[in-house]
Amino acid sequence: MIASLMMYARPELAAAHDRYWAALREALANRGTRSPAQLSNDADALTVWRAPDLVLSQTCGMPYRLWLHDEVSLIGTPDYGVPGCAPGQYRSALVVRADDPRDTLADFATARLAFNAPHSQSGFAAAYAAAQRAGFWFDERVETGAHQASARAVAEGRADIAALDAVTWALIQRHDAFAASLRVLDWTQPTPGLPYIAARTADVPNTRAAVADAISALCDGDRDALMLRGFAQIPKADYLAVPNPPM
């Protein structure tokens, strides 16, 4: 068995994530589903997502539609209460340095984009869609491996702009001092948020009910720390309808 909740993991949230996983394990056990004692948040993400004994994990919309949608069970989508989005949806903040005088996305047509990974919906696909609407694509790009690293690259002048998952951006603002040197230029269009998945053989109704129960069981402090507001059911077709950038 394996499980992970690595997408929004960071040291400041470790204790809250541990308590959330404990609540998830209890809720799963109450419905007859065994789960591992520890999360495998440091394991290779794609290996975890494709594991035949995956109990629960969270993936990104782009890997889900590219590789996983026929290999896993879609459990549901955590709702993080992202402003301007329906429950379960999210969008990206287009973040630039606070002292950068450019004030529209089109002004950044010759800028350097920092992005976490080419298969990221919020860091790459959303940036591509926004830039295309503005009539260009970034010729200069640097891959950083993580949203936090992209934000830091902009803050330190190694890049000019980054598209950051709204939840990650909110966490950066809470926990990283360098966020003060950044500002939001604009927001991308909402898309379905990061879904919870399990193995194809999973008991989907019971797993969905367990997740909903675990979120409800969190104390107010942990719910605020993890930004969890509820659990939404977004159809698979909505994920698959989001366009992919050229690969």
C-alpha atoms as a PDB file:
ATOM      1  CA  MET A   1       0.000   0.000   0.000  1.00  0.00           C
ATOM      2  CA  ILE A   2       1.079   3.542  -0.654  1.00  0.00           C
ATOM      3  CA  ALA A   3      -0.360   7.022  -0.179  1.00  0.00           C
ATOM      4  CA  SER A   4       0.908  10.576  -0.544  1.00  0.00           C
ATOM      5  CA  LEU A   5      -0.246  14.142  -0.140  1.00  0.00           C
ATOM      6  CA  MET A   6       2.838  15.856  -1.522  1.00  0.00           C
ATOM      7  CA  MET A   7       1.324  18.603  -3.630  1.00  0.00           C
ATOM      8  CA  TYR A   8       1.008  21.231  -0.887  1.00  0.00           C
ATOM      9  CA  ALA A   9       3.479  19.740   1.578  1.00  0.00           C
ATOM     10  CA  ARG A  10       5.950  22.095   3.230  1.00  0.00           C
ATOM     11  CA  PRO A  11       7.747  21.944   6.601  1.00  0.00           C
ATOM     12  CA  GLU A  12       5.453  24.463   8.293  1.00  0.00           C
ATOM     13  CA  LEU A  13       2.461  22.218   7.521  1.00  0.00           C
ATOM     14  CA  ALA A  14       3.997  18.873   8.489  1.00  0.00           C
ATOM     15  CA  ALA A  15       2.165  18.518  11.807  1.00  0.00           C
ATOM     16  CA  ALA A  16      -1.180  19.547  10.306  1.00  0.00           C
ATOM     17  CA  HIS A  17      -0.678  17.126   7.407  1.00  0.00           C
ATOM     18  CA  ASP A  18       0.125  14.331   9.875  1.00  0.00           C
ATOM     19  CA  ARG A  19      -3.103  14.972  11.766  1.00  0.00           C
ATOM     20  CA  TYR A  20      -5.045  15.133   8.499  1.00  0.00           C
ATOM     21  CA  TRP A  21      -3.596  11.796   7.411  1.00  0.00           C
ATOM     22  CA  ALA A  22      -4.486  10.304  10.794  1.00  0.00           C
ATOM     23  CA  ALA A  23      -8.073  11.473  10.290  1.00  0.00           C
ATOM     24  CA  LEU A  24      -8.089  10.033   6.769  1.00  0.00           C
ATOM     25  CA  ARG A  25      -6.738   6.690   7.990  1.00  0.00           C
ATOM     26  CA  GLU A  26      -9.392   6.492  10.682  1.00  0.00           C
ATOM     27  CA  ALA A  27     -12.172   7.371   8.243  1.00  0.00           C
ATOM     28  CA  LEU A  28     -10.896   4.825   5.716  1.00  0.00           C
ATOM     29  CA  ALA A  29     -10.582   2.129   8.401  1.00  0.00           C
ATOM     30  CA  ASN A  30     -14.159   2.801   9.510  1.00  0.00           C
ATOM     31  CA  ARG A  31     -15.178   1.793   5.983  1.00  0.00           C
ATOM     32  CA  GLY A  32     -12.997  -1.274   5.793  1.00  0.00           C
ATOM     33  CA  THR A  33     -10.096   0.198   3.822  1.00  0.00           C
ATOM     34  CA  ARG A  34      -6.558  -0.332   5.063  1.00  0.00           C
ATOM     35  CA  SER A  35      -3.947   2.392   4.538  1.00  0.00           C
ATOM     36  CA  PRO A  36      -0.233   2.858   5.233  1.00  0.00           C
ATOM     37  CA  ALA A  37       0.823   4.390   8.528  1.00  0.00           C
ATOM     38  CA  GLN A  38       3.038   6.952   6.823  1.00  0.00           C
ATOM     39  CA  LEU A  39       2.677   9.098   3.715  1.00  0.00           C
ATOM     40  CA  SER A  40       5.260   8.619   0.959  1.00  0.00           C
ATOM     41  CA  ASN A  41       5.586  12.308   0.140  1.00  0.00           C
ATOM     42  CA  ASP A  42       9.239  11.988  -0.890  1.00  0.00           C
ATOM     43  CA  ALA A  43       8.625   9.210  -3.419  1.00  0.00           C
ATOM     44  CA  ASP A  44       8.588   9.839  -7.171  1.00  0.00           C
ATOM     45  CA  ALA A  45       5.176  11.339  -7.873  1.00  0.00           C
ATOM     46  CA  LEU A  46       4.375   9.475 -11.098  1.00  0.00           C
ATOM     47  CA  THR A  47       5.428   6.166  -9.534  1.00  0.00           C
ATOM     48  CA  VAL A  48       3.065   6.793  -6.629  1.00  0.00           C
ATOM     49  CA  TRP A  49       0.186   7.846  -8.869  1.00  0.00           C
ATOM     50  CA  ARG A  50       0.536   4.723 -11.003  1.00  0.00           C
ATOM     51  CA  ALA A  51       0.989   2.285  -8.114  1.00  0.00           C
ATOM     52  CA  PRO A  52      -1.541  -0.581  -8.311  1.00  0.00           C
ATOM     53  CA  ASP A  53      -2.003  -0.397  -4.522  1.00  0.00           C
ATOM     54  CA  LEU A  54      -2.467   3.383  -4.311  1.00  0.00           C
ATOM     55  CA  VAL A  55      -4.832   4.177  -1.438  1.00  0.00           C
ATOM     56  CA  LEU A  56      -4.937   7.942  -1.931  1.00  0.00           C
ATOM     57  CA  SER A  57      -2.874  10.725  -3.481  1.00  0.00           C
ATOM     58  CA  GLN A  58      -3.274  14.155  -4.987  1.00  0.00           C
ATOM     59  CA  THR A  59      -2.190  14.865  -8.524  1.00  0.00           C
ATOM     60  CA  CYS A  60      -2.203  17.851 -10.871  1.00  0.00           C
ATOM     61  CA  GLY A  61      -4.807  18.304 -13.574  1.00  0.00           C
ATOM     62  CA  MET A  62      -2.332  18.092 -16.451  1.00  0.00           C
ATOM     63  CA  PRO A  63      -0.747  14.738 -15.494  1.00  0.00           C
ATOM     64  CA  TYR A  64      -4.263  13.456 -14.825  1.00  0.00           C
ATOM     65  CA  ARG A  65      -5.504  14.274 -18.309  1.00  0.00           C
ATOM     66  CA  LEU A  66      -2.237  13.357 -20.068  1.00  0.00           C
ATOM     67  CA  TRP A  67      -1.393  10.042 -18.419  1.00  0.00           C
ATOM     68  CA  LEU A  68      -3.572   8.991 -15.512  1.00  0.00           C
ATOM     69  CA  HIS A  69      -7.255   9.400 -16.289  1.00  0.00           C
ATOM     70  CA  ASP A  70      -7.655   5.842 -17.616  1.00  0.00           C
ATOM     71  CA  GLU A  71      -5.301   4.299 -15.021  1.00  0.00           C
ATOM     72  CA  VAL A  72      -6.697   5.597 -11.725  1.00  0.00           C
ATOM     73  CA  SER A  73      -9.964   6.287  -9.927  1.00  0.00           C
ATOM     74  CA  LEU A  74     -10.994   9.928  -9.591  1.00  0.00           C
ATOM     75  CA  ILE A  75     -12.034  10.391  -5.964  1.00  0.00           C
ATOM     76  CA  GLY A  76     -12.814  14.107  -5.837  1.00  0.00           C
ATOM     77  CA  THR A  77     -11.257  17.530  -5.489  1.00  0.00           C
ATOM     78  CA  PRO A  78     -10.417  19.342  -2.250  1.00  0.00           C
ATOM     79  CA  ASP A  79     -11.913  22.816  -2.111  1.00  0.00           C
ATOM     80  CA  TYR A  80      -9.457  25.456  -0.925  1.00  0.00           C
ATOM     81  CA  GLY A  81     -11.876  28.372  -1.140  1.00  0.00           C
ATOM     82  CA  VAL A  82      -9.866  30.103  -3.860  1.00  0.00           C
ATOM     83  CA  PRO A  83     -11.323  33.599  -4.458  1.00  0.00           C
ATOM     84  CA  GLY A  84     -12.942  33.980  -7.869  1.00  0.00           C
ATOM     85  CA  CYS A  85     -13.315  30.206  -8.312  1.00  0.00           C
ATOM     86  CA  ALA A  86     -16.159  27.732  -7.901  1.00  0.00           C
ATOM     87  CA  PRO A  87     -15.720  25.036  -5.224  1.00  0.00           C
ATOM     88  CA  GLY A  88     -12.872  22.717  -6.203  1.00  0.00           C
ATOM     89  CA  GLN A  89     -11.518  25.051  -8.866  1.00  0.00           C
ATOM     90  CA  TYR A  90      -8.337  27.076  -8.723  1.00  0.00           C
ATOM     91  CA  ARG A  91      -6.296  29.456 -10.855  1.00  0.00           C
ATOM     92  CA  SER A  92      -2.767  30.819 -11.033  1.00  0.00           C
ATOM     93  CA  ALA A  93      -1.309  34.094  -9.891  1.00  0.00           C
ATOM     94  CA  LEU A  94       0.945  35.665 -12.514  1.00  0.00           C
ATOM     95  CA  VAL A  95       3.603  36.945 -10.134  1.00  0.00           C
ATOM     96  CA  VAL A  96       6.275  39.555 -10.915  1.00  0.00           C
ATOM     97  CA  ARG A  97       8.651  41.656  -8.833  1.00  0.00           C
ATOM     98  CA  ALA A  98       6.911  44.405  -6.910  1.00  0.00           C
ATOM     99  CA  ASP A  99       9.194  47.077  -8.405  1.00  0.00           C
ATOM    100  CA  ASP A 100       8.810  45.910 -12.015  1.00  0.00           C
ATOM    101  CA  PRO A 101       7.135  48.836 -13.841  1.00  0.00           C
ATOM    102  CA  ARG A 102       5.418  46.684 -16.470  1.00  0.00           C
ATOM    103  CA  ASP A 103       1.693  46.499 -15.807  1.00  0.00           C
ATOM    104  CA  THR A 104       0.146  44.144 -18.406  1.00  0.00           C
ATOM    105  CA  LEU A 105       0.983  40.609 -19.404  1.00  0.00           C
ATOM    106  CA  ALA A 106       1.688  41.759 -22.964  1.00  0.00           C
ATOM    107  CA  ASP A 107       4.461  43.948 -21.547  1.00  0.00           C
ATOM    108  CA  PHE A 108       6.251  40.733 -20.527  1.00  0.00           C
ATOM    109  CA  ALA A 109       6.400  39.255 -24.033  1.00  0.00           C
ATOM    110  CA  THR A 110      10.217  39.343 -24.010  1.00  0.00           C
ATOM    111  CA  ALA A 111      10.535  38.380 -20.333  1.00  0.00           C
ATOM    112  CA  ARG A 112      11.847  35.162 -18.811  1.00  0.00           C
ATOM    113  CA  LEU A 113       9.232  32.785 -17.389  1.00  0.00           C
ATOM    114  CA  ALA A 114      10.057  30.609 -14.394  1.00  0.00           C
ATOM    115  CA  PHE A 115       7.957  27.439 -14.312  1.00  0.00           C
ATOM    116  CA  ASN A 116       7.948  24.438 -12.022  1.00  0.00           C
ATOM    117  CA  ALA A 117       7.538  21.663 -14.614  1.00  0.00           C
ATOM    118  CA  PRO A 118       6.325  21.311 -18.219  1.00  0.00           C
ATOM    119  CA  HIS A 119       3.494  18.984 -17.110  1.00  0.00           C
ATOM    120  CA  SER A 120       2.117  21.445 -14.530  1.00  0.00           C
ATOM    121  CA  GLN A 121      -1.352  22.848 -15.155  1.00  0.00           C
ATOM    122  CA  SER A 122      -0.920  25.858 -12.880  1.00  0.00           C
ATOM    123  CA  GLY A 123       2.736  26.582 -13.607  1.00  0.00           C
ATOM    124  CA  PHE A 124       2.965  25.910 -17.336  1.00  0.00           C
ATOM    125  CA  ALA A 125      -0.357  25.191 -19.083  1.00  0.00           C
ATOM    126  CA  ALA A 126      -2.121  28.120 -17.392  1.00  0.00           C
ATOM    127  CA  ALA A 127       0.789  30.428 -18.241  1.00  0.00           C
ATOM    128  CA  TYR A 128       0.708  29.252 -21.862  1.00  0.00           C
ATOM    129  CA  ALA A 129      -3.032  29.869 -22.168  1.00  0.00           C
ATOM    130  CA  ALA A 130      -2.750  33.341 -20.633  1.00  0.00           C
ATOM    131  CA  ALA A 131       0.189  34.328 -22.822  1.00  0.00           C
ATOM    132  CA  GLN A 132      -1.566  33.065 -25.948  1.00  0.00           C
ATOM    133  CA  ARG A 133      -4.559  35.242 -25.150  1.00  0.00           C
ATOM    134  CA  ALA A 134      -2.112  38.151 -24.930  1.00  0.00           C
ATOM    135  CA  GLY A 135      -0.693  37.210 -28.334  1.00  0.00           C
ATOM    136  CA  PHE A 136       2.670  35.637 -27.501  1.00  0.00           C
ATOM    137  CA  TRP A 137       4.573  32.861 -25.764  1.00  0.00           C
ATOM    138  CA  PHE A 138       7.722  33.191 -23.686  1.00  0.00           C
ATOM    139  CA  ASP A 139      10.847  32.425 -25.723  1.00  0.00           C
ATOM    140  CA  GLU A 140      12.925  32.554 -22.541  1.00  0.00           C
ATOM    141  CA  ARG A 141      11.951  30.000 -19.908  1.00  0.00           C
ATOM    142  CA  VAL A 142      13.659  28.393 -16.938  1.00  0.00           C
ATOM    143  CA  GLU A 143      12.448  25.196 -15.261  1.00  0.00           C
ATOM    144  CA  THR A 144      12.772  25.358 -11.460  1.00  0.00           C
ATOM    145  CA  GLY A 145      11.208  22.133 -10.193  1.00  0.00           C
ATOM    146  CA  ALA A 146       8.747  23.749  -7.751  1.00  0.00           C
ATOM    147  CA  HIS A 147       6.392  26.714  -7.483  1.00  0.00           C
ATOM    148  CA  GLN A 148       8.254  28.028  -4.460  1.00  0.00           C
ATOM    149  CA  ALA A 149      11.510  27.910  -6.450  1.00  0.00           C
ATOM    150  CA  SER A 150       9.834  29.761  -9.341  1.00  0.00           C
ATOM    151  CA  ALA A 151       8.643  32.493  -6.996  1.00  0.00           C
ATOM    152  CA  ARG A 152      12.110  32.784  -5.492  1.00  0.00           C
ATOM    153  CA  ALA A 153      13.667  32.972  -8.964  1.00  0.00           C
ATOM    154  CA  VAL A 154      11.483  35.975  -9.756  1.00  0.00           C
ATOM    155  CA  ALA A 155      12.184  37.603  -6.393  1.00  0.00           C
ATOM    156  CA  GLU A 156      15.935  37.193  -6.923  1.00  0.00           C
ATOM    157  CA  GLY A 157      15.904  38.485 -10.506  1.00  0.00           C
ATOM    158  CA  ARG A 158      16.746  35.187 -12.211  1.00  0.00           C
ATOM    159  CA  ALA A 159      13.352  35.295 -13.931  1.00  0.00           C
ATOM    160  CA  ASP A 160      10.754  37.989 -14.521  1.00  0.00           C
ATOM    161  CA  ILE A 161       7.407  36.246 -14.137  1.00  0.00           C
ATOM    162  CA  ALA A 162       5.929  32.989 -12.881  1.00  0.00           C
ATOM    163  CA  ALA A 163       2.478  31.397 -12.804  1.00  0.00           C
ATOM    164  CA  LEU A 164       1.848  30.069  -9.297  1.00  0.00           C
ATOM    165  CA  ASP A 165      -0.974  27.832  -8.121  1.00  0.00           C
ATOM    166  CA  ALA A 166      -3.241  30.112  -6.056  1.00  0.00           C
ATOM    167  CA  VAL A 167      -3.043  27.841  -3.008  1.00  0.00           C
ATOM    168  CA  THR A 168       0.745  27.653  -3.180  1.00  0.00           C
ATOM    169  CA  TRP A 169       0.933  31.421  -3.640  1.00  0.00           C
ATOM    170  CA  ALA A 170      -1.199  31.937  -0.537  1.00  0.00           C
ATOM    171  CA  LEU A 171       1.102  29.614   1.419  1.00  0.00           C
ATOM    172  CA  ILE A 172       4.180  31.429   0.116  1.00  0.00           C
ATOM    173  CA  GLN A 173       2.682  34.707   1.295  1.00  0.00           C
ATOM    174  CA  ARG A 174       2.111  33.184   4.727  1.00  0.00           C
ATOM    175  CA  HIS A 175       5.494  31.545   5.193  1.00  0.00           C
ATOM    176  CA  ASP A 176       8.180  33.010   2.895  1.00  0.00           C
ATOM    177  CA  ALA A 177       9.643  36.438   3.576  1.00  0.00           C
ATOM    178  CA  PHE A 178      10.638  36.939  -0.066  1.00  0.00           C
ATOM    179  CA  ALA A 179       6.925  37.137  -0.971  1.00  0.00           C
ATOM    180  CA  ALA A 180       7.011  40.783   0.111  1.00  0.00           C
ATOM    181  CA  SER A 181       9.129  41.602  -2.944  1.00  0.00           C
ATOM    182  CA  LEU A 182       6.519  40.169  -5.324  1.00  0.00           C
ATOM    183  CA  ARG A 183       3.133  41.279  -6.610  1.00  0.00           C
ATOM    184  CA  VAL A 184       0.326  39.718  -8.642  1.00  0.00           C
ATOM    185  CA  LEU A 185       0.222  41.092 -12.174  1.00  0.00           C
ATOM    186  CA  ASP A 186      -2.923  39.177 -13.126  1.00  0.00           C
ATOM    187  CA  TRP A 187      -4.789  35.901 -12.603  1.00  0.00           C
ATOM    188  CA  THR A 188      -5.317  33.052 -15.063  1.00  0.00           C
ATOM    189  CA  GLN A 189      -8.706  31.553 -15.866  1.00  0.00           C
ATOM    190  CA  PRO A 190     -10.122  29.052 -13.329  1.00  0.00           C
ATOM    191  CA  THR A 191      -9.760  25.338 -14.039  1.00  0.00           C
ATOM    192  CA  PRO A 192     -10.515  22.202 -11.987  1.00  0.00           C
ATOM    193  CA  GLY A 193      -8.203  21.967  -8.981  1.00  0.00           C
ATOM    194  CA  LEU A 194      -5.769  19.247  -7.950  1.00  0.00           C
ATOM    195  CA  PRO A 195      -7.800  16.018  -7.650  1.00  0.00           C
ATOM    196  CA  TYR A 196      -7.490  13.160  -5.199  1.00  0.00           C
ATOM    197  CA  ILE A 197      -6.961   9.833  -6.951  1.00  0.00           C
ATOM    198  CA  ALA A 198      -6.661   6.168  -5.972  1.00  0.00           C
ATOM    199  CA  ALA A 199      -5.969   2.889  -7.732  1.00  0.00           C
ATOM    200  CA  ARG A 200      -8.455   1.686 -10.320  1.00  0.00           C
ATOM    201  CA  THR A 201      -9.541  -1.042  -7.914  1.00  0.00           C
ATOM    202  CA  ALA A 202     -10.376   1.411  -5.124  1.00  0.00           C
ATOM    203  CA  ASP A 203     -13.796   1.528  -3.481  1.00  0.00           C
ATOM    204  CA  VAL A 204     -14.599   4.995  -4.803  1.00  0.00           C
ATOM    205  CA  PRO A 205     -17.816   5.765  -2.867  1.00  0.00           C
ATOM    206  CA  ASN A 206     -16.269   4.738   0.455  1.00  0.00           C
ATOM    207  CA  THR A 207     -13.036   6.602  -0.233  1.00  0.00           C
ATOM    208  CA  ARG A 208     -14.979   9.746  -1.156  1.00  0.00           C
ATOM    209  CA  ALA A 209     -17.005   9.514   2.026  1.00  0.00           C
ATOM    210  CA  ALA A 210     -13.855   8.968   4.084  1.00  0.00           C
ATOM    211  CA  VAL A 211     -12.184  12.074   2.645  1.00  0.00           C
ATOM    212  CA  ALA A 212     -15.258  14.197   3.318  1.00  0.00           C
ATOM    213  CA  ASP A 213     -15.420  12.892   6.894  1.00  0.00           C
ATOM    214  CA  ALA A 214     -11.716  13.539   7.497  1.00  0.00           C
ATOM    215  CA  ILE A 215     -11.917  17.126   6.261  1.00  0.00           C
ATOM    216  CA  SER A 216     -14.938  17.719   8.502  1.00  0.00           C
ATOM    217  CA  ALA A 217     -13.078  16.207  11.456  1.00  0.00           C
ATOM    218  CA  LEU A 218     -10.135  18.632  11.232  1.00  0.00           C
ATOM    219  CA  CYS A 219      -9.868  21.273  13.928  1.00  0.00           C
ATOM    220  CA  ASP A 220     -10.249  24.869  12.799  1.00  0.00           C
ATOM    221  CA  GLY A 221      -6.523  25.521  13.128  1.00  0.00           C
ATOM    222  CA  ASP A 222      -5.520  22.612  10.872  1.00  0.00           C
ATOM    223  CA  ARG A 223      -8.260  23.394   8.385  1.00  0.00           C
ATOM    224  CA  ASP A 224      -6.975  26.963   8.160  1.00  0.00           C
ATOM    225  CA  ALA A 225      -3.323  25.896   7.953  1.00  0.00           C
ATOM    226  CA  LEU A 226      -4.092  23.489   5.093  1.00  0.00           C
ATOM    227  CA  MET A 227      -6.646  25.904   3.596  1.00  0.00           C
ATOM    228  CA  LEU A 228      -9.171  23.066   3.300  1.00  0.00           C
ATOM    229  CA  ARG A 229     -12.781  24.212   2.987  1.00  0.00           C
ATOM    230  CA  GLY A 230     -14.550  21.085   1.739  1.00  0.00           C
ATOM    231  CA  PHE A 231     -14.615  18.383  -0.908  1.00  0.00           C
ATOM    232  CA  ALA A 232     -16.043  18.832  -4.403  1.00  0.00           C
ATOM    233  CA  GLN A 233     -17.038  16.403  -7.127  1.00  0.00           C
ATOM    234  CA  ILE A 234     -15.806  17.637 -10.516  1.00  0.00           C
ATOM    235  CA  PRO A 235     -16.557  15.376 -13.499  1.00  0.00           C
ATOM    236  CA  LYS A 236     -13.705  13.649 -15.273  1.00  0.00           C
ATOM    237  CA  ALA A 237     -14.856  15.295 -18.504  1.00  0.00           C
ATOM    238  CA  ASP A 238     -14.165  18.737 -17.024  1.00  0.00           C
ATOM    239  CA  TYR A 239     -10.533  17.789 -16.403  1.00  0.00           C
ATOM    240  CA  LEU A 240     -10.115  16.335 -19.878  1.00  0.00           C
ATOM    241  CA  ALA A 241     -11.646  19.432 -21.494  1.00  0.00           C
ATOM    242  CA  VAL A 242      -8.771  21.689 -20.370  1.00  0.00           C
ATOM    243  CA  PRO A 243      -6.437  22.250 -23.366  1.00  0.00           C
ATOM    244  CA  ASN A 244      -2.827  21.151 -23.278  1.00  0.00           C
ATOM    245  CA  PRO A 245       0.055  23.387 -24.380  1.00  0.00           C
ATOM    246  CA  PRO A 246       2.356  22.075 -27.122  1.00  0.00           C
ATOM    247  CA  MET A 247       4.618  19.408 -25.665  1.00  0.00           C
END
